[in-house]
Amino acid sequence: MKTRGKVQRIKWNYSNFVKIPSEFKPYLWEYEKTAPLEILILRVLTYGNFEELKKIYSLYPEETYKIAFKYPEIKRGVKFWIKKWRNS
């Protein structure tokens, strides 16, 4: 399969490793005890439920906001709640 042009990849802003909370372990199957912060937040925003979104936002509010609006695959409803929590 050929591709044309350059493939644009999104660079990580938060590559530091953090301890994985136990409720987020199923989303980070390839990591044991620590994972990059950006991957942790991105997986929770992609696969998590409402309570998990609240938890990750309470742990990392600024990072969660930036990541939610950085990646286009994050759903509109998730972005809505992140923006609402930030403005309140």
N, C-alpha and C. Protein backbone atom coordinates (compact mmCIF):
# COMPACT_ATOMS: atom_id res chain seq x y z
N MET A 1 0.84 -1.17 0.00
CA MET A 1 0.00 0.00 0.00
C MET A 1 0.89 1.23 0.00
N LYS A 2 0.62 2.14 -0.91
CA LYS A 2 1.39 3.37 -1.00
C LYS A 2 0.63 4.51 -0.36
N THR A 3 1.37 5.39 0.21
CA THR A 3 0.78 6.62 0.72
C THR A 3 1.45 7.78 0.02
N ARG A 4 0.72 8.83 -0.12
CA ARG A 4 1.29 10.00 -0.79
C ARG A 4 1.45 11.12 0.22
N GLY A 5 2.53 11.82 0.08
CA GLY A 5 2.77 12.95 0.97
C GLY A 5 3.21 12.49 2.35
N LYS A 6 3.37 13.47 3.20
CA LYS A 6 3.80 13.19 4.57
C LYS A 6 2.62 12.80 5.44
N VAL A 7 2.88 11.93 6.37
CA VAL A 7 1.87 11.56 7.36
C VAL A 7 2.10 12.48 8.56
N GLN A 8 1.07 13.24 8.90
CA GLN A 8 1.19 14.16 10.03
C GLN A 8 0.80 13.44 11.31
N ARG A 9 1.71 13.42 12.25
CA ARG A 9 1.44 12.81 13.54
C ARG A 9 1.37 13.91 14.59
N ILE A 10 0.57 13.68 15.59
CA ILE A 10 0.44 14.65 16.68
C ILE A 10 1.52 14.36 17.70
N LYS A 11 2.34 15.37 17.99
CA LYS A 11 3.41 15.19 18.98
C LYS A 11 2.85 15.30 20.39
N TRP A 12 3.44 14.54 21.28
CA TRP A 12 3.02 14.56 22.67
C TRP A 12 3.50 15.82 23.37
N ASN A 13 2.66 16.39 24.21
CA ASN A 13 3.05 17.50 25.07
C ASN A 13 3.43 16.99 26.46
N TYR A 14 2.86 15.87 26.87
CA TYR A 14 3.05 15.33 28.21
C TYR A 14 3.58 13.90 28.11
N SER A 15 4.89 13.76 28.04
CA SER A 15 5.48 12.43 27.90
C SER A 15 5.98 11.88 29.23
N ASN A 16 5.78 12.63 30.31
CA ASN A 16 6.23 12.13 31.61
C ASN A 16 5.37 10.95 32.06
N PHE A 17 6.01 10.01 32.72
CA PHE A 17 5.32 8.80 33.17
C PHE A 17 4.69 9.05 34.54
N VAL A 18 3.43 8.61 34.68
CA VAL A 18 2.70 8.74 35.94
C VAL A 18 2.19 7.36 36.35
N LYS A 19 1.90 7.22 37.64
CA LYS A 19 1.35 5.96 38.16
C LYS A 19 -0.08 5.80 37.64
N ILE A 20 -0.44 4.60 37.23
CA ILE A 20 -1.77 4.34 36.68
C ILE A 20 -2.74 4.07 37.82
N PRO A 21 -3.80 4.88 37.96
CA PRO A 21 -4.83 4.56 38.97
C PRO A 21 -5.50 3.22 38.64
N SER A 22 -5.90 2.49 39.65
CA SER A 22 -6.41 1.13 39.44
C SER A 22 -7.65 1.08 38.55
N GLU A 23 -8.53 2.09 38.60
CA GLU A 23 -9.73 2.06 37.77
C GLU A 23 -9.44 2.29 36.28
N PHE A 24 -8.24 2.78 35.94
CA PHE A 24 -7.89 3.02 34.54
C PHE A 24 -7.00 1.94 33.95
N LYS A 25 -6.67 0.92 34.73
CA LYS A 25 -5.81 -0.18 34.25
C LYS A 25 -6.33 -0.85 32.97
N PRO A 26 -7.65 -1.11 32.85
CA PRO A 26 -8.12 -1.79 31.63
C PRO A 26 -7.86 -0.99 30.34
N TYR A 27 -7.73 0.32 30.44
CA TYR A 27 -7.50 1.14 29.25
C TYR A 27 -6.03 1.17 28.84
N LEU A 28 -5.15 0.76 29.72
CA LEU A 28 -3.71 0.82 29.46
C LEU A 28 -3.13 -0.59 29.52
N TRP A 29 -3.60 -1.46 28.65
CA TRP A 29 -3.24 -2.87 28.68
C TRP A 29 -1.76 -3.11 28.43
N GLU A 30 -1.08 -2.22 27.73
CA GLU A 30 0.32 -2.46 27.39
C GLU A 30 1.30 -1.93 28.44
N TYR A 31 0.80 -1.24 29.46
CA TYR A 31 1.65 -0.70 30.52
C TYR A 31 1.35 -1.41 31.84
N GLU A 32 2.39 -1.55 32.66
CA GLU A 32 2.23 -2.27 33.92
C GLU A 32 1.83 -1.34 35.07
N LYS A 33 2.75 -0.49 35.51
CA LYS A 33 2.49 0.36 36.67
C LYS A 33 2.46 1.84 36.33
N THR A 34 3.24 2.25 35.34
CA THR A 34 3.28 3.65 34.94
C THR A 34 3.02 3.75 33.44
N ALA A 35 2.51 4.91 33.03
CA ALA A 35 2.22 5.15 31.62
C ALA A 35 2.44 6.63 31.33
N PRO A 36 2.68 6.98 30.06
CA PRO A 36 2.79 8.40 29.72
C PRO A 36 1.47 9.11 30.02
N LEU A 37 1.56 10.29 30.58
CA LEU A 37 0.37 11.04 30.99
C LEU A 37 -0.57 11.29 29.82
N GLU A 38 -0.04 11.62 28.67
CA GLU A 38 -0.90 11.91 27.52
C GLU A 38 -1.68 10.68 27.07
N ILE A 39 -1.06 9.52 27.09
CA ILE A 39 -1.75 8.28 26.71
C ILE A 39 -2.84 7.97 27.73
N LEU A 40 -2.54 8.12 29.00
CA LEU A 40 -3.53 7.87 30.06
C LEU A 40 -4.77 8.74 29.87
N ILE A 41 -4.57 10.03 29.72
CA ILE A 41 -5.70 10.95 29.56
C ILE A 41 -6.45 10.67 28.26
N LEU A 42 -5.74 10.44 27.18
CA LEU A 42 -6.38 10.19 25.89
C LEU A 42 -7.24 8.93 25.92
N ARG A 43 -6.76 7.87 26.54
CA ARG A 43 -7.53 6.63 26.61
C ARG A 43 -8.78 6.80 27.46
N VAL A 44 -8.66 7.52 28.57
CA VAL A 44 -9.83 7.74 29.43
C VAL A 44 -10.85 8.60 28.70
N LEU A 45 -10.40 9.63 27.99
CA LEU A 45 -11.33 10.47 27.23
C LEU A 45 -12.00 9.70 26.10
N THR A 46 -11.29 8.75 25.54
CA THR A 46 -11.84 7.97 24.42
C THR A 46 -12.77 6.87 24.90
N TYR A 47 -12.38 6.12 25.92
CA TYR A 47 -13.13 4.93 26.32
C TYR A 47 -13.88 5.05 27.64
N GLY A 48 -13.60 6.08 28.43
CA GLY A 48 -14.15 6.17 29.77
C GLY A 48 -15.60 6.60 29.83
N ASN A 49 -16.21 6.34 30.98
CA ASN A 49 -17.58 6.80 31.21
C ASN A 49 -17.54 8.16 31.92
N PHE A 50 -18.72 8.68 32.26
CA PHE A 50 -18.83 10.03 32.82
C PHE A 50 -18.06 10.17 34.13
N GLU A 51 -18.18 9.19 35.01
CA GLU A 51 -17.49 9.25 36.30
C GLU A 51 -15.97 9.22 36.12
N GLU A 52 -15.50 8.44 35.16
CA GLU A 52 -14.07 8.39 34.90
C GLU A 52 -13.57 9.69 34.30
N LEU A 53 -14.39 10.33 33.48
CA LEU A 53 -14.02 11.65 32.93
C LEU A 53 -13.86 12.66 34.06
N LYS A 54 -14.80 12.64 35.01
CA LYS A 54 -14.71 13.55 36.16
C LYS A 54 -13.44 13.29 36.97
N LYS A 55 -13.12 12.02 37.15
CA LYS A 55 -11.95 11.65 37.95
C LYS A 55 -10.66 12.12 37.28
N ILE A 56 -10.51 11.86 35.98
CA ILE A 56 -9.28 12.26 35.29
C ILE A 56 -9.17 13.78 35.23
N TYR A 57 -10.32 14.47 35.09
CA TYR A 57 -10.30 15.93 35.07
C TYR A 57 -9.91 16.47 36.45
N SER A 58 -10.37 15.84 37.51
CA SER A 58 -10.01 16.31 38.86
C SER A 58 -8.52 16.08 39.15
N LEU A 59 -7.94 15.02 38.57
CA LEU A 59 -6.52 14.74 38.78
C LEU A 59 -5.62 15.66 37.96
N TYR A 60 -5.98 15.87 36.69
CA TYR A 60 -5.15 16.65 35.77
C TYR A 60 -6.03 17.62 34.97
N PRO A 61 -6.51 18.72 35.56
CA PRO A 61 -7.46 19.58 34.84
C PRO A 61 -6.88 20.29 33.62
N GLU A 62 -5.72 20.88 33.76
CA GLU A 62 -5.14 21.64 32.64
C GLU A 62 -4.73 20.71 31.50
N GLU A 63 -4.10 19.60 31.84
CA GLU A 63 -3.65 18.65 30.83
C GLU A 63 -4.84 18.01 30.11
N THR A 64 -5.89 17.68 30.86
CA THR A 64 -7.08 17.08 30.26
C THR A 64 -7.73 18.04 29.28
N TYR A 65 -7.82 19.30 29.65
CA TYR A 65 -8.43 20.29 28.75
C TYR A 65 -7.64 20.40 27.45
N LYS A 66 -6.33 20.51 27.55
CA LYS A 66 -5.50 20.65 26.34
C LYS A 66 -5.59 19.42 25.44
N ILE A 67 -5.57 18.24 26.05
CA ILE A 67 -5.62 17.00 25.26
C ILE A 67 -6.99 16.81 24.63
N ALA A 68 -8.05 17.17 25.33
CA ALA A 68 -9.41 17.00 24.79
C ALA A 68 -9.60 17.81 23.51
N PHE A 69 -9.01 18.98 23.44
CA PHE A 69 -9.19 19.82 22.26
C PHE A 69 -8.06 19.69 21.26
N LYS A 70 -7.08 18.85 21.57
CA LYS A 70 -5.95 18.62 20.66
C LYS A 70 -6.24 17.51 19.66
N TYR A 71 -6.92 16.47 20.11
CA TYR A 71 -7.17 15.29 19.28
C TYR A 71 -8.56 15.33 18.65
N PRO A 72 -8.67 15.16 17.34
CA PRO A 72 -9.98 15.23 16.70
C PRO A 72 -10.89 14.04 16.97
N GLU A 73 -10.35 12.92 17.43
CA GLU A 73 -11.20 11.74 17.66
C GLU A 73 -11.95 11.79 18.98
N ILE A 74 -11.70 12.78 19.82
CA ILE A 74 -12.45 12.92 21.07
C ILE A 74 -13.86 13.39 20.74
N LYS A 75 -14.84 12.73 21.31
CA LYS A 75 -16.24 13.02 20.98
C LYS A 75 -16.70 14.37 21.48
N ARG A 76 -17.67 14.92 20.80
CA ARG A 76 -18.20 16.25 21.09
C ARG A 76 -18.75 16.37 22.50
N GLY A 77 -19.44 15.36 22.98
CA GLY A 77 -20.00 15.38 24.33
C GLY A 77 -18.93 15.45 25.40
N VAL A 78 -17.82 14.75 25.18
CA VAL A 78 -16.70 14.79 26.12
C VAL A 78 -16.12 16.20 26.15
N LYS A 79 -15.94 16.81 25.00
CA LYS A 79 -15.42 18.18 24.93
C LYS A 79 -16.37 19.16 25.62
N PHE A 80 -17.66 18.92 25.48
CA PHE A 80 -18.65 19.79 26.12
C PHE A 80 -18.47 19.79 27.63
N TRP A 81 -18.37 18.60 28.23
CA TRP A 81 -18.25 18.51 29.68
C TRP A 81 -16.92 19.06 30.18
N ILE A 82 -15.86 18.83 29.46
CA ILE A 82 -14.56 19.35 29.86
C ILE A 82 -14.59 20.88 29.85
N LYS A 83 -15.17 21.45 28.81
CA LYS A 83 -15.26 22.90 28.71
C LYS A 83 -16.16 23.46 29.82
N LYS A 84 -17.26 22.77 30.11
CA LYS A 84 -18.18 23.22 31.15
C LYS A 84 -17.52 23.19 32.52
N TRP A 85 -16.79 22.13 32.82
CA TRP A 85 -16.11 22.04 34.11
C TRP A 85 -15.03 23.11 34.24
N ARG A 86 -14.37 23.41 33.15
CA ARG A 86 -13.31 24.42 33.21
C ARG A 86 -13.88 25.81 33.44
N ASN A 87 -15.03 26.12 32.84
CA ASN A 87 -15.62 27.45 32.95
C ASN A 87 -16.40 27.66 34.23
N SER A 88 -16.64 26.59 34.99
CA SER A 88 -17.42 26.76 36.22
C SER A 88 -16.54 26.87 37.46
